[in-house]
Structures are given as structure tokens and as C-alpha cells.
Amino acid sequence: MHETGLSYGSVRKIIHDKLYMSKMSARWVWRLLTLLESQTLRDLSKQMFTLLEQDEEELFGRLVTMDEGWIYLYNSETKEMSKEWKHTTSPLPKKAKVQKSAGKDTLSAFWDCRGVIITDYLAKGQIITSTYYCTLLNELRDALKKKRRGMLTKGVRLLADDAPAHSSQTAFAEARRCGNETLPYSLYAPDLASSDFFFSRDEKSTAGSAI
């Protein structure tokens, strides 16, 4: 304004009324993707839509997905669960905030459109490696023979995220040996297979208390 010699009101009027500009807040996104990453994500998404359009029943009939999530070792109580019957004149009940337990296990799960196929727990302090993941792939194969008869014959399409343990050459080789077709998953893609969404909070708490 000092350089132009115009008042604040005049500058603001020009910006809004003449240049049609306005201040906008930044929108939070999970990742700032490069052009190559964005293009890869679009291409892989188109591939999935193509499979869906070709035969939706066939796609979901062969699709198995998986993910991992943390289970804290305590039984959480929701606000709804803590409700008590009281008179209108009774004081409101109080409840101290419970801190999450320091101990936590990792829950790994495989499921399809009909439900959970297998689950496995990894104790606190242990990490998910390609060797561990390969063990789960073999357990999945055995479980499919019992719970999803005929699915192995049709061919399993496995959808997992791009975690190092899932995307290693060892994991891909083991998946092929088990008769699975690994569907592509783009780097930094939104979670298409997240147990944090599939498993409700109560189910995860119950699972944690049973360990």
C-alpha cells in the first residue's frame, strides 16, 4: 500500500472486485504427492475400476485383503457404556480418564467380503518382517482350504498396502507360491484395506483383553 499510494480499502476493493481474488486456507492432505506419484495412483485406481466394471461379483469373490493394527492391553469403556440410571435430581456420575496401557500388541488380519479368514497377534517389542508375513501367507492358504472351498482354485487376488514387509521380493515370491495374485498398491495411496476401519473399537478391545 505504501508503494502504490493507495489506502487499505482501495487495495482490498481492487483485489476482490477487479482481480476476483480472496484469501483461502490450506487444505490438509495426507501426503503432498509428486506428479509421478499422482499419475501412478490414478493409473492403479483405473485398473481397479476396470476390474470392477468387468465383473464385480468375480472381483469381490476372489479378493482377500489384510492390514495390521495396534491393540492396547486394556478394556476401554465408551461414554455410552458408562451411562447409569439416575433421578433427574441426582448428581451426575463422574469417571476418571483412563490412560492407555503402555503394552500393546499388533493384530494382523486377513478377510474377504464374507468376513474374517485369519487373525494373528504379534507381542509387544516384535516387528513385522517379510519372514513373519510369509508365515501368515501360508496360514492364509491353509485357512482358505477349510473356510473358502474352491477359492484357491479360482485364484486369490491379494490386496495389501505398500509396507516393506508386504512389498518385498520375498513376500511377492511367497504370495505367488501360495497361488495368490498380488494386486498393485500405489505408494501413499489411501488405505483401501485398513483393519482400523474394519474392526470396531469394541472388537479390538475384546481381542486385546483375550491375549
C-alpha atoms as a PDB file:
ATOM      1  CA  MET A   1       0.000   0.000   0.000  1.00  0.00           C
ATOM      2  CA  HIS A   2       2.852   2.333   0.788  1.00  0.00           C
ATOM      3  CA  GLU A   3       4.377   1.722  -2.659  1.00  0.00           C
ATOM      4  CA  THR A   4       1.115   2.263  -4.545  1.00  0.00           C
ATOM      5  CA  GLY A   5      -0.063   5.228  -2.510  1.00  0.00           C
ATOM      6  CA  LEU A   6      -3.492   3.618  -2.173  1.00  0.00           C
ATOM      7  CA  SER A   7      -5.444   3.144   1.029  1.00  0.00           C
ATOM      8  CA  TYR A   8      -6.078  -0.296   2.560  1.00  0.00           C
ATOM      9  CA  GLY A   9      -9.739  -0.127   1.498  1.00  0.00           C
ATOM     10  CA  SER A  10      -8.847   0.708  -2.109  1.00  0.00           C
ATOM     11  CA  VAL A  11      -6.325  -2.133  -2.347  1.00  0.00           C
ATOM     12  CA  ARG A  12      -8.801  -4.591  -0.844  1.00  0.00           C
ATOM     13  CA  LYS A  13     -11.534  -3.450  -3.258  1.00  0.00           C
ATOM     14  CA  ILE A  14      -9.253  -3.910  -6.278  1.00  0.00           C
ATOM     15  CA  ILE A  15      -8.187  -7.383  -5.141  1.00  0.00           C
ATOM     16  CA  HIS A  16     -11.760  -8.541  -4.514  1.00  0.00           C
ATOM     17  CA  ASP A  17     -13.805  -6.657  -7.122  1.00  0.00           C
ATOM     18  CA  LYS A  18     -11.335  -6.357 -10.003  1.00  0.00           C
ATOM     19  CA  LEU A  19      -8.976  -9.305  -9.631  1.00  0.00           C
ATOM     20  CA  TYR A  20     -11.593 -11.649  -8.084  1.00  0.00           C
ATOM     21  CA  MET A  21      -9.120 -12.903  -5.506  1.00  0.00           C
ATOM     22  CA  SER A  22      -9.709 -13.953  -1.911  1.00  0.00           C
ATOM     23  CA  LYS A  23      -7.674 -15.490   0.917  1.00  0.00           C
ATOM     24  CA  MET A  24      -8.005 -19.238   1.251  1.00  0.00           C
ATOM     25  CA  SER A  25      -6.755 -21.535   3.985  1.00  0.00           C
ATOM     26  CA  ALA A  26      -4.583 -24.502   3.065  1.00  0.00           C
ATOM     27  CA  ARG A  27      -6.412 -27.843   2.966  1.00  0.00           C
ATOM     28  CA  TRP A  28      -4.791 -30.635   4.953  1.00  0.00           C
ATOM     29  CA  VAL A  29      -3.964 -33.744   2.918  1.00  0.00           C
ATOM     30  CA  TRP A  30      -2.249 -36.994   3.884  1.00  0.00           C
ATOM     31  CA  ARG A  31       0.674 -36.506   1.544  1.00  0.00           C
ATOM     32  CA  LEU A  32       1.930 -33.992  -0.982  1.00  0.00           C
ATOM     33  CA  LEU A  33       2.432 -36.291  -3.955  1.00  0.00           C
ATOM     34  CA  THR A  34       4.802 -35.643  -6.814  1.00  0.00           C
ATOM     35  CA  LEU A  35       3.437 -35.630 -10.373  1.00  0.00           C
ATOM     36  CA  LEU A  36       4.787 -39.153 -10.909  1.00  0.00           C
ATOM     37  CA  GLU A  37       3.212 -40.458  -7.686  1.00  0.00           C
ATOM     38  CA  SER A  38      -0.121 -38.825  -8.571  1.00  0.00           C
ATOM     39  CA  GLN A  39      -0.057 -40.338 -12.054  1.00  0.00           C
ATOM     40  CA  THR A  40       0.785 -43.787 -10.665  1.00  0.00           C
ATOM     41  CA  LEU A  41      -2.077 -43.531  -8.184  1.00  0.00           C
ATOM     42  CA  ARG A  42      -4.505 -42.568 -10.967  1.00  0.00           C
ATOM     43  CA  ASP A  43      -3.330 -45.413 -13.210  1.00  0.00           C
ATOM     44  CA  LEU A  44      -3.680 -48.049 -10.496  1.00  0.00           C
ATOM     45  CA  SER A  45      -7.091 -46.704  -9.487  1.00  0.00           C
ATOM     46  CA  LYS A  46      -8.237 -47.001 -13.116  1.00  0.00           C
ATOM     47  CA  GLN A  47      -7.025 -50.606 -13.172  1.00  0.00           C
ATOM     48  CA  MET A  48      -9.135 -51.403 -10.115  1.00  0.00           C
ATOM     49  CA  PHE A  49     -12.195 -49.694 -11.609  1.00  0.00           C
ATOM     50  CA  THR A  50     -11.699 -51.674 -14.825  1.00  0.00           C
ATOM     51  CA  LEU A  51     -11.693 -54.949 -12.888  1.00  0.00           C
ATOM     52  CA  LEU A  52     -14.797 -53.796 -11.033  1.00  0.00           C
ATOM     53  CA  GLU A  53     -16.658 -52.883 -14.229  1.00  0.00           C
ATOM     54  CA  GLN A  54     -15.727 -56.133 -15.968  1.00  0.00           C
ATOM     55  CA  ASP A  55     -17.215 -58.379 -13.278  1.00  0.00           C
ATOM     56  CA  GLU A  56     -17.958 -57.034  -9.816  1.00  0.00           C
ATOM     57  CA  GLU A  57     -19.015 -60.400  -8.395  1.00  0.00           C
ATOM     58  CA  GLU A  58     -15.909 -62.111  -9.722  1.00  0.00           C
ATOM     59  CA  LEU A  59     -13.630 -59.384  -8.318  1.00  0.00           C
ATOM     60  CA  PHE A  60     -15.005 -59.475  -4.793  1.00  0.00           C
ATOM     61  CA  GLY A  61     -15.424 -63.237  -4.887  1.00  0.00           C
ATOM     62  CA  ARG A  62     -11.648 -63.628  -5.261  1.00  0.00           C
ATOM     63  CA  LEU A  63     -10.451 -60.588  -3.310  1.00  0.00           C
ATOM     64  CA  VAL A  64      -8.663 -61.034   0.024  1.00  0.00           C
ATOM     65  CA  THR A  65      -7.302 -58.022   1.856  1.00  0.00           C
ATOM     66  CA  MET A  66      -5.264 -57.527   5.005  1.00  0.00           C
ATOM     67  CA  ASP A  67      -3.780 -54.987   7.354  1.00  0.00           C
ATOM     68  CA  GLU A  68      -2.312 -54.591  10.820  1.00  0.00           C
ATOM     69  CA  GLY A  69      -3.443 -52.517  13.788  1.00  0.00           C
ATOM     70  CA  TRP A  70      -2.391 -51.924  17.371  1.00  0.00           C
ATOM     71  CA  ILE A  71      -4.311 -53.392  20.291  1.00  0.00           C
ATOM     72  CA  TYR A  72      -3.782 -51.708  23.653  1.00  0.00           C
ATOM     73  CA  LEU A  73      -3.968 -54.135  26.551  1.00  0.00           C
ATOM     74  CA  TYR A  74      -6.905 -52.707  28.453  1.00  0.00           C
ATOM     75  CA  ASN A  75     -10.693 -52.779  28.189  1.00  0.00           C
ATOM     76  CA  SER A  76     -11.811 -49.329  27.181  1.00  0.00           C
ATOM     77  CA  GLU A  77     -15.271 -48.097  28.187  1.00  0.00           C
ATOM     78  CA  THR A  78     -17.161 -45.803  25.858  1.00  0.00           C
ATOM     79  CA  LYS A  79     -19.280 -42.886  27.059  1.00  0.00           C
ATOM     80  CA  GLU A  80     -22.407 -44.852  26.173  1.00  0.00           C
ATOM     81  CA  MET A  81     -21.244 -47.835  28.225  1.00  0.00           C
ATOM     82  CA  SER A  82     -20.627 -45.670  31.308  1.00  0.00           C
ATOM     83  CA  LYS A  83     -24.224 -44.392  31.492  1.00  0.00           C
ATOM     84  CA  GLU A  84     -26.152 -45.094  34.737  1.00  0.00           C
ATOM     85  CA  TRP A  85     -29.808 -44.835  35.687  1.00  0.00           C
ATOM     86  CA  LYS A  86     -30.262 -41.699  37.829  1.00  0.00           C
ATOM     87  CA  HIS A  87     -33.070 -39.479  39.038  1.00  0.00           C
ATOM     88  CA  THR A  88     -33.306 -36.036  37.497  1.00  0.00           C
ATOM     89  CA  THR A  89     -32.187 -34.569  40.824  1.00  0.00           C
ATOM     90  CA  SER A  90     -29.241 -36.942  41.241  1.00  0.00           C
ATOM     91  CA  PRO A  91     -25.713 -35.603  40.771  1.00  0.00           C
ATOM     92  CA  LEU A  92     -24.072 -36.515  37.506  1.00  0.00           C
ATOM     93  CA  PRO A  93     -21.754 -39.534  37.699  1.00  0.00           C
ATOM     94  CA  LYS A  94     -18.047 -38.912  37.391  1.00  0.00           C
ATOM     95  CA  LYS A  95     -15.384 -41.009  35.773  1.00  0.00           C
ATOM     96  CA  ALA A  96     -11.619 -40.607  35.784  1.00  0.00           C
ATOM     97  CA  LYS A  97      -9.895 -40.651  32.427  1.00  0.00           C
ATOM     98  CA  VAL A  98      -8.142 -43.970  31.865  1.00  0.00           C
ATOM     99  CA  GLN A  99      -4.728 -43.789  30.255  1.00  0.00           C
ATOM    100  CA  LYS A 100      -3.841 -46.279  27.580  1.00  0.00           C
ATOM    101  CA  SER A 101      -1.702 -49.149  28.737  1.00  0.00           C
ATOM    102  CA  ALA A 102       1.956 -48.949  27.764  1.00  0.00           C
ATOM    103  CA  GLY A 103       1.730 -52.507  26.473  1.00  0.00           C
ATOM    104  CA  LYS A 104       0.313 -53.077  23.025  1.00  0.00           C
ATOM    105  CA  ASP A 105       0.247 -55.970  20.620  1.00  0.00           C
ATOM    106  CA  THR A 106      -0.118 -55.933  16.857  1.00  0.00           C
ATOM    107  CA  LEU A 107      -3.164 -57.546  15.297  1.00  0.00           C
ATOM    108  CA  SER A 108      -2.800 -58.846  11.745  1.00  0.00           C
ATOM    109  CA  ALA A 109      -5.954 -59.861   9.913  1.00  0.00           C
ATOM    110  CA  PHE A 110      -6.943 -61.225   6.512  1.00  0.00           C
ATOM    111  CA  TRP A 111     -10.567 -61.031   5.363  1.00  0.00           C
ATOM    112  CA  ASP A 112     -12.799 -61.034   2.308  1.00  0.00           C
ATOM    113  CA  CYS A 113     -16.361 -59.936   1.564  1.00  0.00           C
ATOM    114  CA  ARG A 114     -17.708 -62.815   3.688  1.00  0.00           C
ATOM    115  CA  GLY A 115     -15.757 -61.969   6.824  1.00  0.00           C
ATOM    116  CA  VAL A 116     -12.503 -62.576   8.697  1.00  0.00           C
ATOM    117  CA  ILE A 117     -10.405 -65.508   7.493  1.00  0.00           C
ATOM    118  CA  ILE A 118      -7.468 -65.465   9.926  1.00  0.00           C
ATOM    119  CA  THR A 119      -6.057 -63.228  12.660  1.00  0.00           C
ATOM    120  CA  ASP A 120      -2.683 -63.293  14.348  1.00  0.00           C
ATOM    121  CA  TYR A 121      -1.121 -61.400  17.249  1.00  0.00           C
ATOM    122  CA  LEU A 122       2.433 -60.156  17.484  1.00  0.00           C
ATOM    123  CA  ALA A 123       3.623 -59.408  21.025  1.00  0.00           C
ATOM    124  CA  LYS A 124       4.921 -56.010  22.079  1.00  0.00           C
ATOM    125  CA  GLY A 125       8.507 -55.374  21.015  1.00  0.00           C
ATOM    126  CA  GLN A 126       8.364 -57.641  17.977  1.00  0.00           C
ATOM    127  CA  ILE A 127       8.306 -56.139  14.500  1.00  0.00           C
ATOM    128  CA  ILE A 128       6.541 -57.220  11.338  1.00  0.00           C
ATOM    129  CA  THR A 129       9.087 -58.618   8.894  1.00  0.00           C
ATOM    130  CA  SER A 130       8.782 -60.231   5.482  1.00  0.00           C
ATOM    131  CA  THR A 131       9.526 -63.603   7.117  1.00  0.00           C
ATOM    132  CA  TYR A 132       6.604 -63.157   9.523  1.00  0.00           C
ATOM    133  CA  TYR A 133       4.362 -62.026   6.667  1.00  0.00           C
ATOM    134  CA  CYS A 134       5.298 -65.088   4.621  1.00  0.00           C
ATOM    135  CA  THR A 135       4.292 -67.272   7.558  1.00  0.00           C
ATOM    136  CA  LEU A 136       0.893 -65.554   7.558  1.00  0.00           C
ATOM    137  CA  LEU A 137       0.505 -66.192   3.826  1.00  0.00           C
ATOM    138  CA  ASN A 138       0.939 -69.911   4.422  1.00  0.00           C
ATOM    139  CA  GLU A 139      -1.572 -69.804   7.292  1.00  0.00           C
ATOM    140  CA  LEU A 140      -3.952 -67.961   4.978  1.00  0.00           C
ATOM    141  CA  ARG A 141      -3.635 -70.683   2.361  1.00  0.00           C
ATOM    142  CA  ASP A 142      -4.461 -73.393   4.910  1.00  0.00           C
ATOM    143  CA  ALA A 143      -7.421 -71.385   6.230  1.00  0.00           C
ATOM    144  CA  LEU A 144      -8.803 -70.800   2.732  1.00  0.00           C
ATOM    145  CA  LYS A 145      -8.854 -74.564   2.098  1.00  0.00           C
ATOM    146  CA  LYS A 146     -11.107 -75.014   5.137  1.00  0.00           C
ATOM    147  CA  LYS A 147     -13.201 -71.812   5.133  1.00  0.00           C
ATOM    148  CA  ARG A 148     -13.428 -70.838   1.448  1.00  0.00           C
ATOM    149  CA  ARG A 149     -13.642 -74.047  -0.550  1.00  0.00           C
ATOM    150  CA  GLY A 150     -12.911 -73.518  -4.237  1.00  0.00           C
ATOM    151  CA  MET A 151     -11.391 -70.073  -3.778  1.00  0.00           C
ATOM    152  CA  LEU A 152      -7.804 -71.272  -4.267  1.00  0.00           C
ATOM    153  CA  THR A 153      -8.830 -72.976  -7.491  1.00  0.00           C
ATOM    154  CA  LYS A 154     -10.327 -69.752  -8.862  1.00  0.00           C
ATOM    155  CA  GLY A 155      -7.248 -67.816  -7.761  1.00  0.00           C
ATOM    156  CA  VAL A 156      -6.930 -65.393  -4.856  1.00  0.00           C
ATOM    157  CA  ARG A 157      -6.383 -61.709  -5.534  1.00  0.00           C
ATOM    158  CA  LEU A 158      -4.479 -60.298  -2.565  1.00  0.00           C
ATOM    159  CA  LEU A 159      -4.677 -56.601  -1.758  1.00  0.00           C
ATOM    160  CA  ALA A 160      -2.195 -55.357   0.848  1.00  0.00           C
ATOM    161  CA  ASP A 161      -0.635 -51.946   1.415  1.00  0.00           C
ATOM    162  CA  ASP A 162       2.904 -50.921   0.498  1.00  0.00           C
ATOM    163  CA  ALA A 163       4.540 -51.671   3.868  1.00  0.00           C
ATOM    164  CA  PRO A 164       8.090 -53.046   3.394  1.00  0.00           C
ATOM    165  CA  ALA A 165       7.119 -56.457   4.774  1.00  0.00           C
ATOM    166  CA  HIS A 166       4.270 -56.727   2.238  1.00  0.00           C
ATOM    167  CA  SER A 167       6.085 -55.351  -0.808  1.00  0.00           C
ATOM    168  CA  SER A 168       9.441 -57.128  -0.534  1.00  0.00           C
ATOM    169  CA  GLN A 169      10.588 -59.538  -3.230  1.00  0.00           C
ATOM    170  CA  THR A 170      10.448 -62.343  -0.672  1.00  0.00           C
ATOM    171  CA  ALA A 171       6.793 -61.560   0.075  1.00  0.00           C
ATOM    172  CA  PHE A 172       5.854 -61.398  -3.629  1.00  0.00           C
ATOM    173  CA  ALA A 173       7.586 -64.717  -4.302  1.00  0.00           C
ATOM    174  CA  GLU A 174       5.835 -66.405  -1.384  1.00  0.00           C
ATOM    175  CA  ALA A 175       2.462 -64.992  -2.447  1.00  0.00           C
ATOM    176  CA  ARG A 176       2.932 -66.469  -5.929  1.00  0.00           C
ATOM    177  CA  ARG A 177       3.992 -69.806  -4.464  1.00  0.00           C
ATOM    178  CA  CYS A 178       0.787 -69.848  -2.408  1.00  0.00           C
ATOM    179  CA  GLY A 179      -1.234 -69.227  -5.568  1.00  0.00           C
ATOM    180  CA  ASN A 180      -2.054 -65.579  -4.911  1.00  0.00           C
ATOM    181  CA  GLU A 181      -2.163 -62.766  -7.432  1.00  0.00           C
ATOM    182  CA  THR A 182      -0.897 -59.604  -5.720  1.00  0.00           C
ATOM    183  CA  LEU A 183      -2.856 -56.552  -6.797  1.00  0.00           C
ATOM    184  CA  PRO A 184      -0.831 -53.335  -7.219  1.00  0.00           C
ATOM    185  CA  TYR A 185      -0.932 -50.768  -4.437  1.00  0.00           C
ATOM    186  CA  SER A 186       0.357 -47.269  -5.044  1.00  0.00           C
ATOM    187  CA  LEU A 187       2.811 -45.541  -2.744  1.00  0.00           C
ATOM    188  CA  TYR A 188       0.976 -43.295  -0.243  1.00  0.00           C
ATOM    189  CA  ALA A 189      -2.426 -44.402  -1.546  1.00  0.00           C
ATOM    190  CA  PRO A 190      -5.314 -44.002   0.922  1.00  0.00           C
ATOM    191  CA  ASP A 191      -5.810 -47.203   2.906  1.00  0.00           C
ATOM    192  CA  LEU A 192      -8.069 -49.476   0.887  1.00  0.00           C
ATOM    193  CA  ALA A 193      -7.506 -52.263   3.399  1.00  0.00           C
ATOM    194  CA  SER A 194      -7.373 -50.958   6.906  1.00  0.00           C
ATOM    195  CA  SER A 195      -8.254 -53.041   9.936  1.00  0.00           C
ATOM    196  CA  ASP A 196      -8.635 -49.803  11.885  1.00  0.00           C
ATOM    197  CA  PHE A 197     -11.853 -49.292   9.901  1.00  0.00           C
ATOM    198  CA  PHE A 198     -12.905 -52.917   9.546  1.00  0.00           C
ATOM    199  CA  PHE A 199     -12.589 -53.801  13.230  1.00  0.00           C
ATOM    200  CA  SER A 200     -14.728 -51.753  15.575  1.00  0.00           C
ATOM    201  CA  ARG A 201     -13.256 -50.298  18.734  1.00  0.00           C
ATOM    202  CA  ASP A 202     -15.112 -52.799  20.931  1.00  0.00           C
ATOM    203  CA  GLU A 203     -13.930 -55.775  18.906  1.00  0.00           C
ATOM    204  CA  LYS A 204     -10.311 -54.650  19.135  1.00  0.00           C
ATOM    205  CA  SER A 205     -10.627 -54.073  22.888  1.00  0.00           C
ATOM    206  CA  THR A 206     -12.167 -57.512  23.385  1.00  0.00           C
ATOM    207  CA  ALA A 207      -9.416 -59.106  21.325  1.00  0.00           C
ATOM    208  CA  GLY A 208      -6.805 -57.280  23.370  1.00  0.00           C
ATOM    209  CA  SER A 209      -8.257 -58.443  26.671  1.00  0.00           C
ATOM    210  CA  ALA A 210      -8.179 -62.050  25.492  1.00  0.00           C
ATOM    211  CA  ILE A 211      -4.436 -62.046  24.844  1.00  0.00           C
END
